[in-house]
Each structure stands twice: as structure tokens, then as C-alpha cells.
Amino acid sequence: MTTTEVIRVVERRRKYQWPEAQLNFWLIVMCAAGATQVGVFGYFMHVQAVMRQGVPWIFPYMIATGVLTLLFLFIILILISQRQLLPGIVVLGSFILFVLWLTGLIETSIQLYGPKGSVNSYCNAYKPSSGPSAATLAWLETQGICNDWKAAFALLIVGAVFLLWMMVMAWQVNRDDFE
């Protein structure tokens, strides 16, 4: 007599509970921060090309960092839609991006507030005159560029802090330690 042995394999997937409101808020802020970095530093590269000047390494670096951030967010959205967002993927991606953003933050702060010839030292070089003139136009252009630098710097701080926050949040989700 032959006996047939049936082996039943049960595969259980662990479900991770992500805090929806915090995750959505994080995604929106990081999308804005990444897109701002791409836009601001892309504009700076355009100005450098028009002025026929060399391009500092921070400009293409921050464009690449912003694009990688947006790509990471897109991958997270795809994984969320498939309900397969794993904390390990988020921790690893957030750490890599945190290092990139921190590097950009350090270099941007040196360029913006550095000791000699910093961008901020030129922000009040021109004084607007009354009425339309070349001096008023120069002042408007200078103020626009200075405000772009300051916005990029502020969002680099926000992005770095939010990436650090995401690493902590993903670690808490992995431990199922979320309140």
C-alpha cells in the first residue's frame, strides 16, 4: 500500500502599519523640497550658462540629489499602492539620501554664509533707485538670486531633518512600536 504524504506550506506575510497622516505629510514635504532643489539649482546652472561662467560642482550635485529624492518618493508611492512598503527599504533609502542632503547642506551653507566672497555678502550690493533703472533691475535680480539661495538652504535643512525623521519612523514601524 502506498501512502502519500502531503506537505502544506503556509506563507505568512508580515503587515506593517504605517501612520498614514505622518507618511503623507512626509511625502508632500519631501516632494516639495526635492523639486525645489531641482528647480533652484537648475536655474542657477542656466544663469551660469547664460553668463558663460563655470558651473560649481554643487549645482549638478543638488540637481542629481533632488532627482534621486523624487525617484525614491515615486518608488515609495508605488510600494504603498501595492501594500509592500518595507521599513528596511525606507531606512536604507532615507539614510543614503540623508548623507547626500547633509553634504549639500554643508556646501550650500559655505557658499551662502562662507568667510570670503559668500553669496550673502553680495545680497545688498545694489541699492534700488526710484523709478525704473539699471540699478533697480540689478537690485531685483540680486534679491531674487539671494532669496533662491536662502530658500534652497532652508529646504536643505528641512529635507535633512525629515529624512532623519523617516529613518526613526521606519524603525518604529519595523518594531511595531508606533502609538
N, C-alpha and C. Protein backbone atom coordinates (compact mmCIF):
# COMPACT_ATOMS: atom_id res chain seq x y z
N MET A 1 0.83 -1.16 0.00
CA MET A 1 0.00 0.00 0.00
C MET A 1 0.89 1.25 0.00
N THR A 2 0.53 2.18 -0.78
CA THR A 2 1.29 3.42 -0.91
C THR A 2 0.62 4.52 -0.10
N THR A 3 1.47 5.20 0.59
CA THR A 3 0.94 6.36 1.33
C THR A 3 1.50 7.64 0.71
N THR A 4 0.64 8.54 0.59
CA THR A 4 1.03 9.83 0.03
C THR A 4 1.09 10.85 1.15
N GLU A 5 2.19 11.48 1.21
CA GLU A 5 2.37 12.49 2.24
C GLU A 5 2.19 13.87 1.62
N VAL A 6 1.32 14.63 2.19
CA VAL A 6 1.04 15.97 1.69
C VAL A 6 1.69 16.97 2.63
N ILE A 7 2.50 17.81 2.04
CA ILE A 7 3.14 18.86 2.84
C ILE A 7 2.47 20.17 2.48
N ARG A 8 2.02 20.83 3.48
CA ARG A 8 1.34 22.10 3.26
C ARG A 8 2.25 23.22 3.73
N VAL A 9 2.54 24.13 2.81
CA VAL A 9 3.40 25.26 3.12
C VAL A 9 2.51 26.48 3.28
N VAL A 10 2.63 27.10 4.42
CA VAL A 10 1.85 28.30 4.68
C VAL A 10 2.81 29.48 4.71
N GLU A 11 2.55 30.40 3.83
CA GLU A 11 3.39 31.59 3.78
C GLU A 11 2.64 32.73 4.43
N ARG A 12 3.26 33.29 5.42
CA ARG A 12 2.64 34.41 6.11
C ARG A 12 3.47 35.64 5.86
N ARG A 13 2.81 36.67 5.43
CA ARG A 13 3.48 37.95 5.21
C ARG A 13 3.18 38.84 6.39
N ARG A 14 4.20 39.49 6.83
CA ARG A 14 4.01 40.43 7.93
C ARG A 14 3.48 41.73 7.36
N LYS A 15 2.47 42.25 7.96
CA LYS A 15 1.89 43.52 7.54
C LYS A 15 2.45 44.62 8.44
N TYR A 16 2.94 45.65 7.81
CA TYR A 16 3.48 46.78 8.56
C TYR A 16 2.44 47.89 8.58
N GLN A 17 2.24 48.44 9.74
CA GLN A 17 1.27 49.52 9.92
C GLN A 17 2.00 50.86 9.92
N TRP A 18 1.88 51.57 8.81
CA TRP A 18 2.49 52.89 8.70
C TRP A 18 1.48 53.94 9.14
N PRO A 19 1.92 54.94 9.89
CA PRO A 19 1.00 56.03 10.26
C PRO A 19 0.69 56.88 9.03
N GLU A 20 -0.54 56.80 8.56
CA GLU A 20 -0.91 57.40 7.28
C GLU A 20 -0.70 58.91 7.23
N ALA A 21 -1.18 59.60 8.25
CA ALA A 21 -1.09 61.07 8.22
C ALA A 21 0.37 61.53 8.20
N GLN A 22 1.20 60.92 9.03
CA GLN A 22 2.60 61.31 9.08
C GLN A 22 3.32 60.95 7.78
N LEU A 23 3.02 59.80 7.22
CA LEU A 23 3.65 59.38 5.98
C LEU A 23 3.25 60.30 4.83
N ASN A 24 1.96 60.66 4.75
CA ASN A 24 1.51 61.58 3.70
C ASN A 24 2.13 62.95 3.85
N PHE A 25 2.20 63.46 5.08
CA PHE A 25 2.83 64.76 5.33
C PHE A 25 4.30 64.72 4.93
N TRP A 26 4.98 63.64 5.29
CA TRP A 26 6.39 63.49 4.94
C TRP A 26 6.58 63.46 3.43
N LEU A 27 5.72 62.72 2.73
CA LEU A 27 5.82 62.63 1.28
C LEU A 27 5.63 64.00 0.61
N ILE A 28 4.65 64.76 1.09
CA ILE A 28 4.38 66.08 0.49
C ILE A 28 5.55 67.02 0.72
N VAL A 29 6.05 67.07 1.95
CA VAL A 29 7.16 67.98 2.26
C VAL A 29 8.42 67.59 1.49
N MET A 30 8.73 66.31 1.44
CA MET A 30 9.93 65.87 0.73
C MET A 30 9.80 66.07 -0.79
N CYS A 31 8.60 65.93 -1.30
CA CYS A 31 8.38 66.20 -2.73
C CYS A 31 8.63 67.68 -3.02
N ALA A 32 8.13 68.54 -2.16
CA ALA A 32 8.37 69.98 -2.34
C ALA A 32 9.85 70.32 -2.20
N ALA A 33 10.51 69.72 -1.22
CA ALA A 33 11.93 70.01 -1.00
C ALA A 33 12.78 69.50 -2.17
N GLY A 34 12.52 68.30 -2.63
CA GLY A 34 13.28 67.75 -3.75
C GLY A 34 13.07 68.52 -5.04
N ALA A 35 11.82 68.87 -5.32
CA ALA A 35 11.51 69.64 -6.53
C ALA A 35 12.12 71.04 -6.46
N THR A 36 12.13 71.63 -5.27
CA THR A 36 12.74 72.96 -5.12
C THR A 36 14.24 72.90 -5.39
N GLN A 37 14.90 71.86 -4.91
CA GLN A 37 16.34 71.74 -5.16
C GLN A 37 16.61 71.61 -6.65
N VAL A 38 15.81 70.80 -7.34
CA VAL A 38 15.99 70.64 -8.78
C VAL A 38 15.76 71.98 -9.49
N GLY A 39 14.70 72.68 -9.12
CA GLY A 39 14.37 73.94 -9.77
C GLY A 39 15.36 75.05 -9.51
N VAL A 40 15.73 75.24 -8.25
CA VAL A 40 16.64 76.34 -7.89
C VAL A 40 18.02 76.12 -8.50
N PHE A 41 18.57 74.93 -8.32
CA PHE A 41 19.92 74.70 -8.83
C PHE A 41 19.94 74.55 -10.35
N GLY A 42 18.81 74.13 -10.94
CA GLY A 42 18.70 74.15 -12.40
C GLY A 42 18.70 75.58 -12.93
N TYR A 43 18.01 76.46 -12.22
CA TYR A 43 18.02 77.88 -12.59
C TYR A 43 19.42 78.46 -12.47
N PHE A 44 20.11 78.11 -11.38
CA PHE A 44 21.48 78.61 -11.20
C PHE A 44 22.39 78.13 -12.34
N MET A 45 22.23 76.87 -12.76
CA MET A 45 23.05 76.37 -13.88
C MET A 45 22.72 77.13 -15.16
N HIS A 46 21.45 77.44 -15.35
CA HIS A 46 21.05 78.21 -16.53
C HIS A 46 21.68 79.61 -16.51
N VAL A 47 21.66 80.26 -15.36
CA VAL A 47 22.26 81.60 -15.24
C VAL A 47 23.76 81.52 -15.51
N GLN A 48 24.42 80.51 -14.98
CA GLN A 48 25.86 80.35 -15.21
C GLN A 48 26.14 80.14 -16.70
N ALA A 49 25.30 79.37 -17.38
CA ALA A 49 25.50 79.13 -18.81
C ALA A 49 25.27 80.41 -19.62
N VAL A 50 24.26 81.19 -19.25
CA VAL A 50 23.99 82.44 -19.95
C VAL A 50 25.15 83.42 -19.75
N MET A 51 25.69 83.45 -18.55
CA MET A 51 26.80 84.35 -18.24
C MET A 51 28.15 83.78 -18.70
N ARG A 52 28.13 82.58 -19.28
CA ARG A 52 29.34 81.90 -19.75
C ARG A 52 30.39 81.74 -18.65
N GLN A 53 29.90 81.31 -17.50
CA GLN A 53 30.75 81.06 -16.34
C GLN A 53 30.82 79.56 -16.08
N GLY A 54 31.81 79.17 -15.34
CA GLY A 54 31.92 77.78 -14.95
C GLY A 54 30.81 77.41 -13.97
N VAL A 55 30.48 76.14 -13.93
CA VAL A 55 29.42 75.67 -13.04
C VAL A 55 30.06 75.01 -11.82
N PRO A 56 29.80 75.53 -10.61
CA PRO A 56 30.32 74.88 -9.41
C PRO A 56 29.72 73.48 -9.25
N TRP A 57 30.45 72.59 -8.62
CA TRP A 57 30.02 71.20 -8.50
C TRP A 57 28.73 71.05 -7.73
N ILE A 58 28.40 72.00 -6.88
CA ILE A 58 27.20 71.86 -6.05
C ILE A 58 25.92 71.93 -6.89
N PHE A 59 25.95 72.63 -8.02
CA PHE A 59 24.74 72.77 -8.83
C PHE A 59 24.28 71.44 -9.42
N PRO A 60 25.12 70.74 -10.20
CA PRO A 60 24.65 69.44 -10.71
C PRO A 60 24.49 68.40 -9.60
N TYR A 61 25.27 68.52 -8.54
CA TYR A 61 25.14 67.60 -7.40
C TYR A 61 23.76 67.70 -6.78
N MET A 62 23.30 68.94 -6.55
CA MET A 62 21.99 69.11 -5.92
C MET A 62 20.85 68.77 -6.87
N ILE A 63 21.06 68.98 -8.16
CA ILE A 63 20.04 68.55 -9.12
C ILE A 63 19.91 67.03 -9.09
N ALA A 64 21.05 66.34 -9.09
CA ALA A 64 21.03 64.87 -9.03
C ALA A 64 20.42 64.39 -7.71
N THR A 65 20.75 65.05 -6.61
CA THR A 65 20.19 64.68 -5.31
C THR A 65 18.68 64.89 -5.28
N GLY A 66 18.22 66.00 -5.84
CA GLY A 66 16.79 66.26 -5.91
C GLY A 66 16.06 65.25 -6.77
N VAL A 67 16.65 64.88 -7.89
CA VAL A 67 16.04 63.88 -8.78
C VAL A 67 16.01 62.51 -8.10
N LEU A 68 17.09 62.15 -7.41
CA LEU A 68 17.09 60.88 -6.67
C LEU A 68 16.04 60.87 -5.57
N THR A 69 15.85 62.01 -4.93
CA THR A 69 14.82 62.11 -3.90
C THR A 69 13.44 61.90 -4.51
N LEU A 70 13.17 62.56 -5.62
CA LEU A 70 11.87 62.40 -6.28
C LEU A 70 11.66 60.96 -6.77
N LEU A 71 12.73 60.33 -7.26
CA LEU A 71 12.65 58.94 -7.69
C LEU A 71 12.35 58.03 -6.49
N PHE A 72 13.01 58.26 -5.38
CA PHE A 72 12.76 57.49 -4.16
C PHE A 72 11.31 57.65 -3.70
N LEU A 73 10.79 58.86 -3.75
CA LEU A 73 9.40 59.10 -3.36
C LEU A 73 8.44 58.39 -4.31
N PHE A 74 8.76 58.38 -5.60
CA PHE A 74 7.93 57.67 -6.57
C PHE A 74 7.92 56.16 -6.28
N ILE A 75 9.08 55.61 -5.95
CA ILE A 75 9.16 54.18 -5.61
C ILE A 75 8.35 53.90 -4.34
N ILE A 76 8.44 54.79 -3.36
CA ILE A 76 7.65 54.62 -2.13
C ILE A 76 6.16 54.63 -2.45
N LEU A 77 5.73 55.54 -3.32
CA LEU A 77 4.31 55.60 -3.69
C LEU A 77 3.86 54.32 -4.39
N ILE A 78 4.71 53.77 -5.24
CA ILE A 78 4.37 52.51 -5.91
C ILE A 78 4.26 51.39 -4.88
N LEU A 79 5.20 51.32 -3.95
CA LEU A 79 5.16 50.28 -2.93
C LEU A 79 3.96 50.45 -2.00
N ILE A 80 3.59 51.69 -1.71
CA ILE A 80 2.40 51.93 -0.88
C ILE A 80 1.15 51.44 -1.61
N SER A 81 1.07 51.73 -2.90
CA SER A 81 -0.13 51.31 -3.65
C SER A 81 -0.25 49.79 -3.73
N GLN A 82 0.87 49.09 -3.68
CA GLN A 82 0.86 47.62 -3.69
C GLN A 82 0.87 47.03 -2.29
N ARG A 83 0.84 47.90 -1.28
CA ARG A 83 0.90 47.49 0.13
C ARG A 83 2.12 46.63 0.44
N GLN A 84 3.26 47.04 -0.14
CA GLN A 84 4.50 46.30 0.07
C GLN A 84 5.63 47.21 0.56
N LEU A 85 5.29 48.29 1.21
CA LEU A 85 6.32 49.21 1.71
C LEU A 85 6.99 48.60 2.94
N LEU A 86 8.25 48.25 2.79
CA LEU A 86 9.00 47.63 3.88
C LEU A 86 9.85 48.68 4.59
N PRO A 87 9.92 48.62 5.91
CA PRO A 87 10.72 49.60 6.65
C PRO A 87 12.20 49.55 6.29
N GLY A 88 12.74 48.39 5.98
CA GLY A 88 14.15 48.28 5.62
C GLY A 88 14.50 49.07 4.38
N ILE A 89 13.62 49.03 3.39
CA ILE A 89 13.84 49.80 2.16
C ILE A 89 13.83 51.29 2.47
N VAL A 90 12.89 51.70 3.31
CA VAL A 90 12.76 53.12 3.65
C VAL A 90 13.96 53.59 4.46
N VAL A 91 14.42 52.78 5.41
CA VAL A 91 15.58 53.16 6.21
C VAL A 91 16.82 53.30 5.33
N LEU A 92 17.05 52.34 4.47
CA LEU A 92 18.23 52.37 3.61
C LEU A 92 18.18 53.57 2.65
N GLY A 93 17.07 53.76 1.98
CA GLY A 93 16.94 54.89 1.05
C GLY A 93 17.03 56.22 1.76
N SER A 94 16.40 56.33 2.92
CA SER A 94 16.44 57.58 3.68
C SER A 94 17.86 57.88 4.17
N PHE A 95 18.59 56.85 4.58
CA PHE A 95 19.96 57.08 5.03
C PHE A 95 20.85 57.57 3.89
N ILE A 96 20.73 56.93 2.74
CA ILE A 96 21.54 57.35 1.59
C ILE A 96 21.21 58.80 1.23
N LEU A 97 19.92 59.11 1.15
CA LEU A 97 19.53 60.48 0.82
C LEU A 97 19.92 61.46 1.91
N PHE A 98 19.87 61.04 3.18
CA PHE A 98 20.28 61.92 4.28
C PHE A 98 21.74 62.34 4.11
N VAL A 99 22.60 61.39 3.77
CA VAL A 99 24.01 61.71 3.56
C VAL A 99 24.18 62.69 2.39
N LEU A 100 23.45 62.46 1.31
CA LEU A 100 23.52 63.36 0.16
C LEU A 100 23.02 64.76 0.51
N TRP A 101 21.89 64.81 1.22
CA TRP A 101 21.32 66.11 1.60
C TRP A 101 22.22 66.84 2.60
N LEU A 102 22.81 66.11 3.52
CA LEU A 102 23.70 66.74 4.50
C LEU A 102 24.94 67.31 3.82
N THR A 103 25.47 66.60 2.84
CA THR A 103 26.60 67.12 2.06
C THR A 103 26.21 68.39 1.33
N GLY A 104 25.06 68.38 0.70
CA GLY A 104 24.57 69.58 0.02
C GLY A 104 24.33 70.72 0.98
N LEU A 105 23.82 70.41 2.16
CA LEU A 105 23.58 71.44 3.18
C LEU A 105 24.87 72.09 3.62
N ILE A 106 25.90 71.31 3.85
CA ILE A 106 27.19 71.85 4.28
C ILE A 106 27.78 72.74 3.20
N GLU A 107 27.80 72.28 1.96
CA GLU A 107 28.38 73.07 0.87
C GLU A 107 27.55 74.33 0.60
N THR A 108 26.24 74.22 0.65
CA THR A 108 25.39 75.39 0.42
C THR A 108 25.60 76.42 1.52
N SER A 109 25.75 75.97 2.76
CA SER A 109 26.00 76.92 3.84
C SER A 109 27.34 77.61 3.68
N ILE A 110 28.33 76.89 3.19
CA ILE A 110 29.64 77.52 2.94
C ILE A 110 29.53 78.55 1.83
N GLN A 111 28.81 78.20 0.74
CA GLN A 111 28.66 79.15 -0.36
C GLN A 111 27.82 80.35 0.04
N LEU A 112 26.80 80.12 0.86
CA LEU A 112 25.88 81.20 1.22
C LEU A 112 26.43 82.09 2.32
N TYR A 113 27.03 81.50 3.33
CA TYR A 113 27.48 82.27 4.50
C TYR A 113 28.97 82.14 4.76
N GLY A 114 29.73 81.69 3.78
CA GLY A 114 31.16 81.45 3.96
C GLY A 114 31.94 82.70 4.32
N PRO A 115 33.21 82.51 4.64
CA PRO A 115 34.02 83.61 5.17
C PRO A 115 34.36 84.69 4.15
N LYS A 116 34.62 84.31 2.91
CA LYS A 116 35.12 85.30 1.96
C LYS A 116 34.38 85.16 0.63
N GLY A 117 33.81 86.22 0.15
CA GLY A 117 33.12 86.20 -1.14
C GLY A 117 31.86 85.36 -1.14
N SER A 118 31.15 85.30 -0.03
CA SER A 118 29.95 84.49 0.04
C SER A 118 28.80 85.16 -0.71
N VAL A 119 27.81 84.37 -1.04
CA VAL A 119 26.64 84.89 -1.75
C VAL A 119 25.94 85.95 -0.90
N ASN A 120 25.82 85.69 0.38
CA ASN A 120 25.11 86.62 1.27
C ASN A 120 25.80 87.99 1.33
N SER A 121 27.11 88.04 1.14
CA SER A 121 27.81 89.32 1.20
C SER A 121 27.48 90.20 0.00
N TYR A 122 26.97 89.61 -1.08
CA TYR A 122 26.60 90.38 -2.27
C TYR A 122 25.11 90.72 -2.31
N CYS A 123 24.36 90.27 -1.34
CA CYS A 123 22.90 90.45 -1.39
C CYS A 123 22.46 91.91 -1.31
N ASN A 124 23.24 92.74 -0.69
CA ASN A 124 22.88 94.15 -0.59
C ASN A 124 23.87 95.05 -1.30
N ALA A 125 24.48 94.53 -2.35
CA ALA A 125 25.48 95.30 -3.09
C ALA A 125 24.85 96.43 -3.88
N TYR A 126 23.64 96.21 -4.38
CA TYR A 126 22.96 97.23 -5.17
C TYR A 126 21.83 97.84 -4.35
N LYS A 127 21.65 99.12 -4.49
CA LYS A 127 20.55 99.81 -3.83
C LYS A 127 19.57 100.25 -4.92
N PRO A 128 18.28 99.99 -4.69
CA PRO A 128 17.32 100.38 -5.72
C PRO A 128 17.17 101.90 -5.78
N SER A 129 17.03 102.38 -6.98
CA SER A 129 16.78 103.81 -7.14
C SER A 129 15.29 104.00 -7.38
N SER A 130 14.86 105.22 -7.33
CA SER A 130 13.44 105.47 -7.56
C SER A 130 13.16 105.41 -9.05
N GLY A 131 12.16 104.64 -9.41
CA GLY A 131 11.81 104.51 -10.81
C GLY A 131 12.59 103.42 -11.49
N PRO A 132 12.19 103.11 -12.72
CA PRO A 132 12.89 102.05 -13.45
C PRO A 132 14.28 102.50 -13.90
N SER A 133 15.25 101.67 -13.57
CA SER A 133 16.62 101.97 -13.98
C SER A 133 17.41 100.68 -13.96
N ALA A 134 18.64 100.75 -14.45
CA ALA A 134 19.52 99.58 -14.44
C ALA A 134 19.86 99.17 -13.02
N ALA A 135 19.99 100.15 -12.12
CA ALA A 135 20.30 99.85 -10.72
C ALA A 135 19.14 99.10 -10.05
N THR A 136 17.92 99.49 -10.37
CA THR A 136 16.75 98.81 -9.81
C THR A 136 16.67 97.38 -10.34
N LEU A 137 16.91 97.20 -11.62
CA LEU A 137 16.91 95.87 -12.22
C LEU A 137 18.00 94.99 -11.61
N ALA A 138 19.19 95.56 -11.42
CA ALA A 138 20.29 94.81 -10.79
C ALA A 138 19.92 94.42 -9.37
N TRP A 139 19.28 95.33 -8.64
CA TRP A 139 18.87 95.02 -7.27
C TRP A 139 17.82 93.90 -7.26
N LEU A 140 16.84 93.96 -8.17
CA LEU A 140 15.81 92.92 -8.24
C LEU A 140 16.41 91.56 -8.57
N GLU A 141 17.32 91.50 -9.53
CA GLU A 141 17.97 90.24 -9.89
C GLU A 141 18.79 89.70 -8.72
N THR A 142 19.52 90.57 -8.07
CA THR A 142 20.34 90.16 -6.93
C THR A 142 19.47 89.62 -5.81
N GLN A 143 18.39 90.32 -5.51
CA GLN A 143 17.49 89.86 -4.44
C GLN A 143 16.84 88.52 -4.79
N GLY A 144 16.50 88.35 -6.06
CA GLY A 144 15.91 87.07 -6.49
C GLY A 144 16.89 85.92 -6.32
N ILE A 145 18.11 86.12 -6.73
CA ILE A 145 19.12 85.07 -6.60
C ILE A 145 19.42 84.79 -5.13
N CYS A 146 19.53 85.85 -4.33
CA CYS A 146 19.78 85.65 -2.89
C CYS A 146 18.64 84.90 -2.22
N ASN A 147 17.40 85.23 -2.58
CA ASN A 147 16.26 84.53 -2.00
C ASN A 147 16.20 83.08 -2.46
N ASP A 148 16.62 82.81 -3.69
CA ASP A 148 16.69 81.42 -4.15
C ASP A 148 17.71 80.62 -3.33
N TRP A 149 18.87 81.20 -3.08
CA TRP A 149 19.88 80.54 -2.25
C TRP A 149 19.34 80.27 -0.85
N LYS A 150 18.67 81.26 -0.27
CA LYS A 150 18.15 81.10 1.09
C LYS A 150 17.04 80.06 1.14
N ALA A 151 16.18 80.03 0.11
CA ALA A 151 15.13 79.01 0.06
C ALA A 151 15.73 77.62 -0.08
N ALA A 152 16.74 77.47 -0.94
CA ALA A 152 17.40 76.17 -1.11
C ALA A 152 18.05 75.73 0.20
N PHE A 153 18.69 76.66 0.90
CA PHE A 153 19.33 76.35 2.17
C PHE A 153 18.30 75.92 3.21
N ALA A 154 17.20 76.66 3.30
CA ALA A 154 16.16 76.33 4.29
C ALA A 154 15.55 74.96 4.00
N LEU A 155 15.30 74.66 2.73
CA LEU A 155 14.71 73.37 2.41
C LEU A 155 15.71 72.23 2.51
N LEU A 156 17.00 72.54 2.41
CA LEU A 156 18.01 71.50 2.68
C LEU A 156 17.98 71.11 4.16
N ILE A 157 17.81 72.09 5.03
CA ILE A 157 17.68 71.79 6.46
C ILE A 157 16.43 70.96 6.71
N VAL A 158 15.30 71.40 6.15
CA VAL A 158 14.04 70.67 6.33
C VAL A 158 14.16 69.25 5.78
N GLY A 159 14.73 69.11 4.58
CA GLY A 159 14.86 67.78 3.98
C GLY A 159 15.74 66.86 4.81
N ALA A 160 16.85 67.37 5.31
CA ALA A 160 17.74 66.53 6.13
C ALA A 160 17.04 66.09 7.42
N VAL A 161 16.33 67.00 8.05
CA VAL A 161 15.61 66.66 9.29
C VAL A 161 14.50 65.65 8.99
N PHE A 162 13.77 65.85 7.90
CA PHE A 162 12.69 64.93 7.56
C PHE A 162 13.21 63.55 7.18
N LEU A 163 14.36 63.47 6.54
CA LEU A 163 14.93 62.16 6.24
C LEU A 163 15.36 61.45 7.51
N LEU A 164 15.90 62.19 8.45
CA LEU A 164 16.24 61.61 9.75
C LEU A 164 14.98 61.12 10.46
N TRP A 165 13.93 61.92 10.40
CA TRP A 165 12.64 61.56 10.99
C TRP A 165 12.09 60.28 10.35
N MET A 166 12.23 60.16 9.03
CA MET A 166 11.71 58.98 8.35
C MET A 166 12.47 57.72 8.76
N MET A 167 13.78 57.85 8.99
CA MET A 167 14.54 56.69 9.46
C MET A 167 14.02 56.24 10.81
N VAL A 168 13.74 57.18 11.70
CA VAL A 168 13.21 56.83 13.02
C VAL A 168 11.82 56.23 12.90
N MET A 169 10.98 56.83 12.06
CA MET A 169 9.62 56.33 11.89
C MET A 169 9.63 54.92 11.30
N ALA A 170 10.47 54.66 10.31
CA ALA A 170 10.54 53.32 9.72
C ALA A 170 11.04 52.30 10.73
N TRP A 171 11.98 52.71 11.57
CA TRP A 171 12.47 51.81 12.62
C TRP A 171 11.35 51.49 13.60
N GLN A 172 10.52 52.49 13.95
CA GLN A 172 9.40 52.26 14.85
C GLN A 172 8.35 51.36 14.21
N VAL A 173 8.10 51.54 12.91
CA VAL A 173 7.15 50.68 12.21
C VAL A 173 7.67 49.24 12.19
N ASN A 174 8.95 49.07 11.97
CA ASN A 174 9.54 47.73 11.97
C ASN A 174 9.39 47.04 13.31
N ARG A 175 9.53 47.80 14.39
CA ARG A 175 9.39 47.23 15.73
C ARG A 175 7.94 47.18 16.19
N ASP A 176 7.03 47.67 15.35
CA ASP A 176 5.61 47.76 15.70
C ASP A 176 5.44 48.55 17.00
N ASP A 177 6.19 49.64 17.06
CA ASP A 177 6.30 50.43 18.29
C ASP A 177 5.63 51.79 18.12
N PHE A 178 4.65 51.87 17.23
CA PHE A 178 4.01 53.15 16.97
C PHE A 178 2.75 53.27 17.82
N GLU A 179 2.58 54.44 18.39
CA GLU A 179 1.39 54.67 19.21
C GLU A 179 0.24 55.09 18.35
